[in-house]
Amino acid sequence: MDFDFGKLARNWHSPIVSRTEIGKFSGGLLTPRTLANLDSLNAGPPRGNCGRKVFYPVDELVKWLEEKAKSGGGKLL
């Protein structure tokens, strides 16, 4: 089954997604803890920081999700 991850971006209200909001953005596919773990392994999507808050540009997050879905049979690692 092919999923249009771009639809997530089109339905999101901002050009960035905070790590705490990743569950809402992804429909529960990802959790903040999963992304924190992936970030610690340098395996997560491109990210930015604003103080102590971590955020992900929506376009980069969608590209990363599409790459992961294609390359690993849906596996994130």
C-alpha atoms as a PDB file:
ATOM      1  CA  MET A   1       0.000   0.000   0.000  1.00  0.00           C
ATOM      2  CA  ASP A   2       1.377   3.400  -0.968  1.00  0.00           C
ATOM      3  CA  PHE A   3       0.631   6.274   1.346  1.00  0.00           C
ATOM      4  CA  ASP A   4       0.721   9.924   0.356  1.00  0.00           C
ATOM      5  CA  PHE A   5       2.833  11.446   3.140  1.00  0.00           C
ATOM      6  CA  GLY A   6       2.415  14.803   1.403  1.00  0.00           C
ATOM      7  CA  LYS A   7      -1.174  14.738   2.599  1.00  0.00           C
ATOM      8  CA  LEU A   8       0.140  15.074   6.154  1.00  0.00           C
ATOM      9  CA  ALA A   9       1.945  18.273   5.159  1.00  0.00           C
ATOM     10  CA  ARG A  10      -1.054  19.698   3.326  1.00  0.00           C
ATOM     11  CA  ASN A  11      -3.262  19.169   6.383  1.00  0.00           C
ATOM     12  CA  TRP A  12      -0.770  20.591   8.889  1.00  0.00           C
ATOM     13  CA  HIS A  13      -1.202  24.201  10.044  1.00  0.00           C
ATOM     14  CA  SER A  14       2.461  25.217  10.263  1.00  0.00           C
ATOM     15  CA  PRO A  15       5.727  24.860   8.319  1.00  0.00           C
ATOM     16  CA  ILE A  16       7.277  23.104  11.348  1.00  0.00           C
ATOM     17  CA  VAL A  17       6.292  20.283  13.701  1.00  0.00           C
ATOM     18  CA  SER A  18       7.506  20.290  17.282  1.00  0.00           C
ATOM     19  CA  ARG A  19       8.706  16.973  18.612  1.00  0.00           C
ATOM     20  CA  THR A  20       5.855  17.004  21.152  1.00  0.00           C
ATOM     21  CA  GLU A  21       3.306  17.300  18.308  1.00  0.00           C
ATOM     22  CA  ILE A  22       4.747  14.552  16.105  1.00  0.00           C
ATOM     23  CA  GLY A  23       2.053  12.071  17.131  1.00  0.00           C
ATOM     24  CA  LYS A  24      -0.689  14.415  15.953  1.00  0.00           C
ATOM     25  CA  PHE A  25       1.140  15.156  12.721  1.00  0.00           C
ATOM     26  CA  SER A  26       1.794  11.493  11.887  1.00  0.00           C
ATOM     27  CA  GLY A  27      -1.525  10.084  13.058  1.00  0.00           C
ATOM     28  CA  GLY A  28       0.253   8.123  15.769  1.00  0.00           C
ATOM     29  CA  LEU A  29       2.856   6.587  13.449  1.00  0.00           C
ATOM     30  CA  LEU A  30       5.675   8.315  15.339  1.00  0.00           C
ATOM     31  CA  THR A  31       6.088   9.311  18.968  1.00  0.00           C
ATOM     32  CA  PRO A  32       8.305  11.965  20.514  1.00  0.00           C
ATOM     33  CA  ARG A  33      10.362   9.226  22.179  1.00  0.00           C
ATOM     34  CA  THR A  34      10.927   7.423  18.870  1.00  0.00           C
ATOM     35  CA  LEU A  35      12.231  10.595  17.243  1.00  0.00           C
ATOM     36  CA  ALA A  36      14.397  11.413  20.262  1.00  0.00           C
ATOM     37  CA  ASN A  37      15.944   7.943  20.026  1.00  0.00           C
ATOM     38  CA  LEU A  38      16.468   8.261  16.268  1.00  0.00           C
ATOM     39  CA  ASP A  39      17.971  11.730  16.718  1.00  0.00           C
ATOM     40  CA  SER A  40      20.456  10.382  19.267  1.00  0.00           C
ATOM     41  CA  LEU A  41      21.593   7.864  16.636  1.00  0.00           C
ATOM     42  CA  ASN A  42      21.720  10.531  13.900  1.00  0.00           C
ATOM     43  CA  ALA A  43      19.070   8.500  12.085  1.00  0.00           C
ATOM     44  CA  GLY A  44      16.149  10.909  12.378  1.00  0.00           C
ATOM     45  CA  PRO A  45      14.902  13.605  10.045  1.00  0.00           C
ATOM     46  CA  PRO A  46      16.627  17.000   9.837  1.00  0.00           C
ATOM     47  CA  ARG A  47      15.748  19.049  12.899  1.00  0.00           C
ATOM     48  CA  GLY A  48      16.161  22.427  14.477  1.00  0.00           C
ATOM     49  CA  ASN A  49      16.153  23.776  17.993  1.00  0.00           C
ATOM     50  CA  CYS A  50      14.572  26.816  19.543  1.00  0.00           C
ATOM     51  CA  GLY A  51      15.943  26.906  23.048  1.00  0.00           C
ATOM     52  CA  ARG A  52      15.255  23.457  24.471  1.00  0.00           C
ATOM     53  CA  LYS A  53      12.451  22.708  22.022  1.00  0.00           C
ATOM     54  CA  VAL A  54      13.141  20.471  19.030  1.00  0.00           C
ATOM     55  CA  PHE A  55      11.255  20.925  15.777  1.00  0.00           C
ATOM     56  CA  TYR A  56      11.209  19.405  12.308  1.00  0.00           C
ATOM     57  CA  PRO A  57      10.554  21.289   9.052  1.00  0.00           C
ATOM     58  CA  VAL A  58       7.422  19.701   7.573  1.00  0.00           C
ATOM     59  CA  ASP A  59       8.880  19.295   4.073  1.00  0.00           C
ATOM     60  CA  GLU A  60      12.009  17.575   5.409  1.00  0.00           C
ATOM     61  CA  LEU A  61       9.951  15.362   7.706  1.00  0.00           C
ATOM     62  CA  VAL A  62       7.742  14.237   4.818  1.00  0.00           C
ATOM     63  CA  LYS A  63      10.810  13.493   2.639  1.00  0.00           C
ATOM     64  CA  TRP A  64      12.336  11.464   5.460  1.00  0.00           C
ATOM     65  CA  LEU A  65       9.118   9.494   5.998  1.00  0.00           C
ATOM     66  CA  GLU A  66       8.872   8.746   2.265  1.00  0.00           C
ATOM     67  CA  GLU A  67      12.501   7.559   2.149  1.00  0.00           C
ATOM     68  CA  LYS A  68      12.017   5.313   5.172  1.00  0.00           C
ATOM     69  CA  ALA A  69       8.821   3.833   3.768  1.00  0.00           C
ATOM     70  CA  LYS A  70      10.556   3.011   0.462  1.00  0.00           C
ATOM     71  CA  SER A  71      13.895   1.753   1.741  1.00  0.00           C
ATOM     72  CA  GLY A  72      13.142  -0.361   4.746  1.00  0.00           C
ATOM     73  CA  GLY A  73       9.779  -1.899   4.203  1.00  0.00           C
ATOM     74  CA  GLY A  74       8.372   0.680   6.583  1.00  0.00           C
ATOM     75  CA  LYS A  75      11.064   0.174   9.251  1.00  0.00           C
ATOM     76  CA  LEU A  76      12.310   3.385  10.816  1.00  0.00           C
ATOM     77  CA  LEU A  77      15.783   2.105  11.720  1.00  0.00           C
END
